[in-house]
């Protein structure tokens, strides 16, 4: 995954994530988007199995959420499709 991104790509990725029923992306800073999900541990494990271990993290002190990295459009599309399939 690439860590370089433009705000426009983050906004586009955020909007795409918002279209997935069962999750709720939240305003986030930096290279991550925070997503509210029902079962964060299960969601992260399923994402790890589908993509790469550690790609999705569970932030400390934040109940019911995971964070996903923002990358280039190709990486973001892969994450988007994977989230849609595991929700």
C-alpha atoms as a PDB file:
ATOM      1  CA  UNK A   1       0.000   0.000   0.000  1.00  0.00           C
ATOM      2  CA  UNK A   2       1.174   3.482  -0.742  1.00  0.00           C
ATOM      3  CA  UNK A   3       1.089   6.109   1.967  1.00  0.00           C
ATOM      4  CA  UNK A   4       1.107   9.063  -0.413  1.00  0.00           C
ATOM      5  CA  UNK A   5      -2.344  10.358  -1.191  1.00  0.00           C
ATOM      6  CA  UNK A   6      -4.120  13.503  -2.139  1.00  0.00           C
ATOM      7  CA  UNK A   7      -7.076  14.941  -0.261  1.00  0.00           C
ATOM      8  CA  UNK A   8      -9.216  14.431  -3.364  1.00  0.00           C
ATOM      9  CA  UNK A   9      -8.491  10.706  -3.334  1.00  0.00           C
ATOM     10  CA  UNK A  10      -9.253  10.467   0.381  1.00  0.00           C
ATOM     11  CA  UNK A  11     -12.571  12.274  -0.181  1.00  0.00           C
ATOM     12  CA  UNK A  12     -13.432   9.977  -3.098  1.00  0.00           C
ATOM     13  CA  UNK A  13     -12.547   6.866  -1.068  1.00  0.00           C
ATOM     14  CA  UNK A  14     -14.565   8.150   1.918  1.00  0.00           C
ATOM     15  CA  UNK A  15     -17.608   8.674  -0.325  1.00  0.00           C
ATOM     16  CA  UNK A  16     -17.291   5.183  -1.788  1.00  0.00           C
ATOM     17  CA  UNK A  17     -17.030   3.666   1.693  1.00  0.00           C
ATOM     18  CA  UNK A  18     -20.147   5.591   2.769  1.00  0.00           C
ATOM     19  CA  UNK A  19     -22.104   3.711   0.081  1.00  0.00           C
ATOM     20  CA  UNK A  20     -21.525   0.329   1.780  1.00  0.00           C
ATOM     21  CA  UNK A  21     -24.448  -0.714   4.001  1.00  0.00           C
ATOM     22  CA  UNK A  22     -23.424  -1.828   7.490  1.00  0.00           C
ATOM     23  CA  UNK A  23     -20.450   0.494   7.990  1.00  0.00           C
ATOM     24  CA  UNK A  24     -20.111   4.209   8.640  1.00  0.00           C
ATOM     25  CA  UNK A  25     -16.923   6.085   7.753  1.00  0.00           C
ATOM     26  CA  UNK A  26     -16.173   8.966  10.099  1.00  0.00           C
ATOM     27  CA  UNK A  27     -14.219  12.171   9.510  1.00  0.00           C
ATOM     28  CA  UNK A  28     -10.554  11.299  10.004  1.00  0.00           C
ATOM     29  CA  UNK A  29      -7.178  12.969   9.816  1.00  0.00           C
ATOM     30  CA  UNK A  30      -3.993  11.720   8.230  1.00  0.00           C
ATOM     31  CA  UNK A  31      -3.572   8.671   6.046  1.00  0.00           C
ATOM     32  CA  UNK A  32      -6.449   6.705   7.586  1.00  0.00           C
ATOM     33  CA  UNK A  33     -10.223   6.579   7.526  1.00  0.00           C
ATOM     34  CA  UNK A  34     -11.985   5.530  10.703  1.00  0.00           C
ATOM     35  CA  UNK A  35     -14.960   3.238  10.074  1.00  0.00           C
ATOM     36  CA  UNK A  36     -17.687   2.357  12.542  1.00  0.00           C
ATOM     37  CA  UNK A  37     -18.477  -1.373  12.317  1.00  0.00           C
ATOM     38  CA  UNK A  38     -20.525  -3.835  14.380  1.00  0.00           C
ATOM     39  CA  UNK A  39     -17.754  -6.289  15.338  1.00  0.00           C
ATOM     40  CA  UNK A  40     -14.331  -4.618  14.942  1.00  0.00           C
ATOM     41  CA  UNK A  41     -12.235  -7.681  15.856  1.00  0.00           C
ATOM     42  CA  UNK A  42     -14.132  -9.970  13.507  1.00  0.00           C
ATOM     43  CA  UNK A  43     -14.114  -7.359  10.732  1.00  0.00           C
ATOM     44  CA  UNK A  44     -10.344  -6.798  11.085  1.00  0.00           C
ATOM     45  CA  UNK A  45      -9.667 -10.547  11.091  1.00  0.00           C
ATOM     46  CA  UNK A  46     -11.717 -11.069   7.931  1.00  0.00           C
ATOM     47  CA  UNK A  47      -9.923  -8.167   6.214  1.00  0.00           C
ATOM     48  CA  UNK A  48      -6.548  -9.551   7.316  1.00  0.00           C
ATOM     49  CA  UNK A  49      -7.443 -12.954   5.847  1.00  0.00           C
ATOM     50  CA  UNK A  50      -8.578 -11.386   2.575  1.00  0.00           C
ATOM     51  CA  UNK A  51      -5.780  -8.838   2.110  1.00  0.00           C
ATOM     52  CA  UNK A  52      -2.792  -8.533   4.430  1.00  0.00           C
ATOM     53  CA  UNK A  53      -2.320  -8.976   8.172  1.00  0.00           C
ATOM     54  CA  UNK A  54      -2.313  -5.662   9.995  1.00  0.00           C
ATOM     55  CA  UNK A  55      -3.786  -3.651   7.128  1.00  0.00           C
ATOM     56  CA  UNK A  56      -6.896  -2.843   9.153  1.00  0.00           C
ATOM     57  CA  UNK A  57      -6.261  -1.772  12.730  1.00  0.00           C
ATOM     58  CA  UNK A  58      -8.422  -1.310  15.789  1.00  0.00           C
ATOM     59  CA  UNK A  59      -7.647   2.032  17.418  1.00  0.00           C
ATOM     60  CA  UNK A  60      -7.045   2.108  21.189  1.00  0.00           C
ATOM     61  CA  UNK A  61      -9.857   3.600  23.235  1.00  0.00           C
ATOM     62  CA  UNK A  62     -12.318   3.645  20.341  1.00  0.00           C
ATOM     63  CA  UNK A  63     -15.181   1.192  20.695  1.00  0.00           C
ATOM     64  CA  UNK A  64     -16.856  -0.164  17.574  1.00  0.00           C
ATOM     65  CA  UNK A  65     -14.404   1.121  14.981  1.00  0.00           C
ATOM     66  CA  UNK A  66     -11.497   0.138  12.766  1.00  0.00           C
ATOM     67  CA  UNK A  67      -9.194   2.221  10.630  1.00  0.00           C
ATOM     68  CA  UNK A  68      -8.182   1.582   7.053  1.00  0.00           C
ATOM     69  CA  UNK A  69      -5.309   3.202   5.199  1.00  0.00           C
ATOM     70  CA  UNK A  70      -5.803   5.590   2.302  1.00  0.00           C
ATOM     71  CA  UNK A  71      -3.552   4.803  -0.637  1.00  0.00           C
ATOM     72  CA  UNK A  72      -3.605   5.294  -4.351  1.00  0.00           C
ATOM     73  CA  UNK A  73      -6.841   4.697  -6.309  1.00  0.00           C
ATOM     74  CA  UNK A  74      -5.897   1.096  -7.165  1.00  0.00           C
ATOM     75  CA  UNK A  75      -5.160   0.184  -3.518  1.00  0.00           C
ATOM     76  CA  UNK A  76      -8.299   1.958  -2.324  1.00  0.00           C
ATOM     77  CA  UNK A  77     -10.451   0.094  -4.839  1.00  0.00           C
ATOM     78  CA  UNK A  78      -9.098  -3.245  -3.602  1.00  0.00           C
ATOM     79  CA  UNK A  79      -9.841  -2.267   0.006  1.00  0.00           C
ATOM     80  CA  UNK A  80     -13.313  -1.023  -0.985  1.00  0.00           C
ATOM     81  CA  UNK A  81     -14.212  -4.271  -2.775  1.00  0.00           C
ATOM     82  CA  UNK A  82     -12.878  -6.345   0.114  1.00  0.00           C
ATOM     83  CA  UNK A  83     -14.827  -4.371   2.731  1.00  0.00           C
ATOM     84  CA  UNK A  84     -17.981  -4.734   0.657  1.00  0.00           C
ATOM     85  CA  UNK A  85     -17.481  -8.501   0.517  1.00  0.00           C
ATOM     86  CA  UNK A  86     -16.789  -9.005   4.241  1.00  0.00           C
ATOM     87  CA  UNK A  87     -19.583  -6.816   5.629  1.00  0.00           C
END
